[in-house]
């Protein structure tokens, strides 16, 4: 089972062991070109927050940058339904 873009990618597999923070990890430039493996077994249950900017700094409130840097995302199980106040 897969989701996302339907094309092949290659890269170094790196592991993110946090229970939360996948939106931040995906938008972190340090993961540029890498295959991000999330070790927490369920992903997506709190959704993805809005891409709103902090009014003073103009930095995204909930992301590390304004784009996804990882070449791929590998998860064990993902949820198509979310329940969190910041999700859109």
Protein backbone atom coordinates (compact mmCIF):
# COMPACT_ATOMS: atom_id res chain seq x y z
CA UNK A 1 0.00 0.00 0.00
CA UNK A 2 1.34 3.44 -0.82
CA UNK A 3 0.28 7.06 -1.10
CA UNK A 4 1.75 10.21 -2.61
CA UNK A 5 3.59 10.77 -5.86
CA UNK A 6 3.84 7.82 -8.22
CA UNK A 7 7.51 7.92 -9.17
CA UNK A 8 10.72 6.33 -7.94
CA UNK A 9 13.09 8.12 -5.58
CA UNK A 10 16.42 7.22 -4.04
CA UNK A 11 18.21 8.56 -1.02
CA UNK A 12 19.72 7.87 2.36
CA UNK A 13 17.21 6.45 4.87
CA UNK A 14 17.20 8.47 8.10
CA UNK A 15 15.08 7.82 11.16
CA UNK A 16 12.94 10.25 13.14
CA UNK A 17 11.98 8.69 16.48
CA UNK A 18 9.60 11.33 17.85
CA UNK A 19 5.97 10.57 18.60
CA UNK A 20 4.90 13.91 17.10
CA UNK A 21 6.44 16.45 14.77
CA UNK A 22 6.15 14.95 11.30
CA UNK A 23 5.11 18.31 9.70
CA UNK A 24 8.21 19.90 11.22
CA UNK A 25 10.44 17.00 10.16
CA UNK A 26 9.18 17.04 6.55
CA UNK A 27 9.86 20.77 6.25
CA UNK A 28 13.27 20.65 7.96
CA UNK A 29 16.04 21.48 5.43
CA UNK A 30 18.42 19.07 7.18
CA UNK A 31 16.43 16.18 5.61
CA UNK A 32 17.02 17.47 2.05
CA UNK A 33 17.14 14.56 -0.41
CA UNK A 34 16.76 11.90 2.28
CA UNK A 35 14.13 9.21 2.84
CA UNK A 36 12.53 10.06 6.16
CA UNK A 37 11.48 6.99 8.16
CA UNK A 38 9.06 7.73 11.00
CA UNK A 39 9.42 5.10 13.71
CA UNK A 40 6.19 5.91 15.56
CA UNK A 41 3.68 3.37 14.20
CA UNK A 42 0.77 5.72 13.46
CA UNK A 43 1.09 8.91 11.41
CA UNK A 44 -1.55 11.43 10.44
CA UNK A 45 -3.91 11.20 13.37
CA UNK A 46 -3.39 14.85 14.29
CA UNK A 47 -3.36 16.15 10.73
CA UNK A 48 -1.26 18.97 9.35
CA UNK A 49 -1.52 22.50 10.75
CA UNK A 50 -2.16 25.58 8.66
CA UNK A 51 0.71 27.22 6.83
CA UNK A 52 0.03 30.57 8.50
CA UNK A 53 2.92 32.94 9.18
CA UNK A 54 3.85 34.64 12.40
CA UNK A 55 2.79 38.28 11.81
CA UNK A 56 6.00 39.78 13.21
CA UNK A 57 8.71 37.47 11.87
CA UNK A 58 6.89 36.13 8.76
CA UNK A 59 8.23 32.67 9.69
CA UNK A 60 5.82 29.73 9.41
CA UNK A 61 4.23 29.08 12.81
CA UNK A 62 4.14 25.28 12.59
CA UNK A 63 6.81 24.39 10.00
CA UNK A 64 10.60 24.63 9.76
CA UNK A 65 10.49 26.14 6.26
CA UNK A 66 8.06 26.84 3.42
CA UNK A 67 8.48 23.50 1.59
CA UNK A 68 8.99 19.75 2.04
CA UNK A 69 12.68 18.80 1.83
CA UNK A 70 12.62 15.00 2.26
CA UNK A 71 12.64 12.96 -0.96
CA UNK A 72 10.36 10.36 0.55
CA UNK A 73 8.39 9.46 3.65
CA UNK A 74 8.22 5.92 5.01
CA UNK A 75 5.63 5.05 7.65
CA UNK A 76 4.17 1.87 9.10
CA UNK A 77 0.55 3.04 9.19
CA UNK A 78 -1.12 6.33 8.38
CA UNK A 79 -4.50 7.72 9.27
CA UNK A 80 -6.79 9.34 6.72
CA UNK A 81 -8.86 10.95 9.48
CA UNK A 82 -7.44 13.48 11.90
CA UNK A 83 -8.52 15.13 15.11
CA UNK A 84 -6.52 18.14 16.24
CA UNK A 85 -7.33 21.83 16.69
CA UNK A 86 -4.54 23.03 14.35
CA UNK A 87 -5.31 20.63 11.50
CA UNK A 88 -6.71 21.77 8.16
